[in-house]
């Protein structure tokens, strides 16, 4: 009888150990999926606040009066066509650096909006401060997660990688 009890206990412990190993091996994948979904849940403000660049001193975010009142001036669209967004930029005006993020309400592309924004910035700086035009011409426009992004900066590659990591690409 004692042998039967020991065999049953051993069998139960073996089964528990095996099922525990299976759960443990799935855990990193589950954590990775959870991490990815958390990235996709970040707002434009959350993403932009994590950009570390000394030239990007000022900001405006979707839902703020400044952003909402200037969306049409900045991007040529009314704020009701935007479901999330924001801009960080060089506040002194002498530097062309900016990072804009938009998520359009209808899910459409903002590539043309940002191309037009680049052209506008280029026209602003061509006569005012021509040395800034090189970084505007090298600006990056891309989609990451649900967001469209425009990066004008000497550090565009680093900033773009940060955004792609945070936005879930």
Protein backbone atom coordinates (compact mmCIF):
# COMPACT_ATOMS: atom_id res chain seq x y z
CA UNK A 1 0.00 0.00 0.00
CA UNK A 2 2.83 2.39 0.88
CA UNK A 3 4.44 1.68 -2.49
CA UNK A 4 1.19 2.60 -4.29
CA UNK A 5 0.96 5.91 -2.41
CA UNK A 6 4.60 6.74 -3.19
CA UNK A 7 4.01 5.89 -6.89
CA UNK A 8 0.90 8.10 -6.99
CA UNK A 9 2.67 11.01 -5.30
CA UNK A 10 5.66 10.63 -7.63
CA UNK A 11 3.37 10.54 -10.67
CA UNK A 12 1.48 13.64 -9.54
CA UNK A 13 4.73 15.51 -8.87
CA UNK A 14 6.11 14.50 -12.26
CA UNK A 15 2.96 15.74 -13.99
CA UNK A 16 3.08 19.03 -12.08
CA UNK A 17 6.73 19.51 -12.98
CA UNK A 18 6.09 18.82 -16.66
CA UNK A 19 3.09 21.12 -16.87
CA UNK A 20 5.06 23.80 -15.02
CA UNK A 21 7.85 23.58 -17.59
CA UNK A 22 5.39 23.97 -20.44
CA UNK A 23 3.96 27.14 -18.88
CA UNK A 24 7.42 28.52 -18.27
CA UNK A 25 8.49 27.98 -21.87
CA UNK A 26 5.46 29.96 -23.11
CA UNK A 27 6.04 32.83 -20.73
CA UNK A 28 8.66 34.76 -22.75
CA UNK A 29 6.41 34.68 -25.83
CA UNK A 30 3.45 35.84 -23.74
CA UNK A 31 5.55 38.62 -22.25
CA UNK A 32 6.74 39.62 -25.73
CA UNK A 33 3.16 39.76 -27.06
CA UNK A 34 2.13 41.78 -24.01
CA UNK A 35 5.05 44.15 -24.56
CA UNK A 36 4.09 44.66 -28.19
CA UNK A 37 0.47 45.42 -27.34
CA UNK A 38 1.62 47.90 -24.69
CA UNK A 39 3.71 49.70 -27.33
CA UNK A 40 0.71 50.02 -29.60
CA UNK A 41 -1.32 51.51 -26.78
CA UNK A 42 1.00 54.48 -26.23
CA UNK A 43 -0.45 57.84 -27.18
CA UNK A 44 1.40 60.25 -29.44
CA UNK A 45 2.11 62.34 -26.34
CA UNK A 46 3.59 59.31 -24.53
CA UNK A 47 5.85 58.61 -27.49
CA UNK A 48 6.95 62.20 -28.06
CA UNK A 49 7.70 62.77 -24.39
CA UNK A 50 10.27 59.96 -24.57
CA UNK A 51 12.27 61.65 -27.35
CA UNK A 52 15.47 63.05 -25.90
CA UNK A 53 16.91 65.82 -28.07
CA UNK A 54 18.19 69.16 -26.81
CA UNK A 55 16.87 71.06 -29.86
CA UNK A 56 13.28 69.91 -29.32
CA UNK A 57 12.25 72.26 -26.54
CA UNK A 58 8.54 72.94 -27.12
CA UNK A 59 5.51 70.76 -27.68
CA UNK A 60 1.80 70.62 -28.40
CA UNK A 61 -0.42 67.54 -28.19
CA UNK A 62 -3.81 66.45 -29.46
CA UNK A 63 -6.45 67.60 -27.02
CA UNK A 64 -4.44 70.65 -25.97
CA UNK A 65 -5.84 74.01 -27.06
CA UNK A 66 -2.58 74.97 -28.81
CA UNK A 67 -2.47 71.82 -30.93
CA UNK A 68 -6.18 71.74 -31.70
CA UNK A 69 -6.27 75.43 -32.70
CA UNK A 70 -3.22 75.09 -34.96
CA UNK A 71 -3.76 71.69 -36.60
CA UNK A 72 -5.00 73.23 -39.83
CA UNK A 73 -2.11 75.71 -39.95
CA UNK A 74 0.45 72.99 -39.21
CA UNK A 75 -0.92 70.13 -41.30
CA UNK A 76 -3.60 71.56 -43.58
CA UNK A 77 -6.38 69.46 -42.00
CA UNK A 78 -8.97 70.19 -39.36
CA UNK A 79 -8.49 68.67 -35.93
CA UNK A 80 -11.68 66.61 -36.29
CA UNK A 81 -9.83 64.46 -38.86
CA UNK A 82 -7.17 63.61 -36.26
CA UNK A 83 -7.69 61.01 -33.55
CA UNK A 84 -4.28 61.47 -31.91
CA UNK A 85 -1.14 63.45 -32.56
CA UNK A 86 1.44 65.86 -31.39
CA UNK A 87 4.48 67.88 -32.29
CA UNK A 88 7.77 68.59 -30.55
CA UNK A 89 9.88 71.33 -32.08
CA UNK A 90 12.67 73.83 -31.66
CA UNK A 91 10.99 76.72 -29.89
CA UNK A 92 13.54 79.37 -30.77
CA UNK A 93 12.50 79.36 -34.45
CA UNK A 94 16.05 79.43 -35.78
CA UNK A 95 16.29 75.65 -36.04
CA UNK A 96 14.09 73.56 -38.33
CA UNK A 97 13.97 70.53 -35.98
CA UNK A 98 10.55 69.01 -35.36
CA UNK A 99 8.93 65.66 -34.82
CA UNK A 100 5.25 65.36 -35.72
CA UNK A 101 3.06 62.33 -35.13
CA UNK A 102 -0.47 61.95 -36.47
CA UNK A 103 -3.12 59.28 -36.33
CA UNK A 104 -5.95 60.17 -38.66
CA UNK A 105 -9.55 59.40 -37.64
CA UNK A 106 -10.31 57.57 -40.89
CA UNK A 107 -7.08 55.54 -40.78
CA UNK A 108 -5.87 57.13 -44.02
CA UNK A 109 -2.26 57.90 -44.83
CA UNK A 110 -0.69 61.15 -43.62
CA UNK A 111 2.26 60.78 -45.99
CA UNK A 112 1.09 63.61 -48.27
CA UNK A 113 0.26 65.80 -45.28
CA UNK A 114 3.82 65.41 -44.02
CA UNK A 115 5.29 65.87 -47.49
CA UNK A 116 3.42 69.18 -47.72
CA UNK A 117 4.63 70.07 -44.21
CA UNK A 118 8.22 69.40 -45.30
CA UNK A 119 7.77 71.64 -48.37
CA UNK A 120 6.35 74.39 -46.16
CA UNK A 121 9.31 74.16 -43.77
CA UNK A 122 11.74 74.13 -46.69
CA UNK A 123 10.19 77.32 -48.06
CA UNK A 124 10.42 78.93 -44.61
CA UNK A 125 14.11 78.21 -44.20
CA UNK A 126 15.47 78.58 -47.78
CA UNK A 127 15.99 82.33 -47.46
CA UNK A 128 15.82 82.68 -43.69
CA UNK A 129 18.41 80.09 -42.69
CA UNK A 130 19.59 78.03 -45.70
CA UNK A 131 21.92 75.84 -43.61
CA UNK A 132 18.81 74.21 -42.11
CA UNK A 133 17.47 73.10 -45.50
CA UNK A 134 19.80 70.10 -45.67
CA UNK A 135 18.14 68.45 -42.65
CA UNK A 136 14.68 69.29 -44.02
CA UNK A 137 15.56 67.63 -47.33
CA UNK A 138 16.76 64.58 -45.37
CA UNK A 139 13.59 64.41 -43.25
CA UNK A 140 12.03 61.03 -42.62
CA UNK A 141 8.38 60.24 -43.17
CA UNK A 142 7.16 56.79 -42.16
CA UNK A 143 4.34 54.83 -40.59
CA UNK A 144 4.84 53.05 -37.29
CA UNK A 145 1.96 51.21 -35.69
CA UNK A 146 -1.12 53.37 -36.22
CA UNK A 147 0.89 56.60 -36.43
CA UNK A 148 2.39 58.57 -39.29
CA UNK A 149 5.61 60.32 -38.37
CA UNK A 150 7.68 63.23 -39.69
CA UNK A 151 11.19 63.68 -38.28
CA UNK A 152 13.31 66.72 -39.16
CA UNK A 153 16.52 66.57 -37.17
CA UNK A 154 20.25 65.97 -37.34
CA UNK A 155 19.41 62.97 -35.14
CA UNK A 156 16.59 61.69 -37.39
CA UNK A 157 17.82 58.08 -37.46
CA UNK A 158 18.02 57.81 -33.67
CA UNK A 159 14.68 59.53 -33.13
CA UNK A 160 12.99 57.40 -35.79
CA UNK A 161 14.27 54.18 -34.21
CA UNK A 162 12.99 55.29 -30.80
CA UNK A 163 9.54 56.01 -32.26
CA UNK A 164 9.42 52.71 -34.13
CA UNK A 165 10.31 50.88 -30.94
CA UNK A 166 7.67 52.71 -28.89
CA UNK A 167 4.89 52.70 -31.50
CA UNK A 168 5.12 48.98 -32.13
CA UNK A 169 6.87 48.54 -35.44
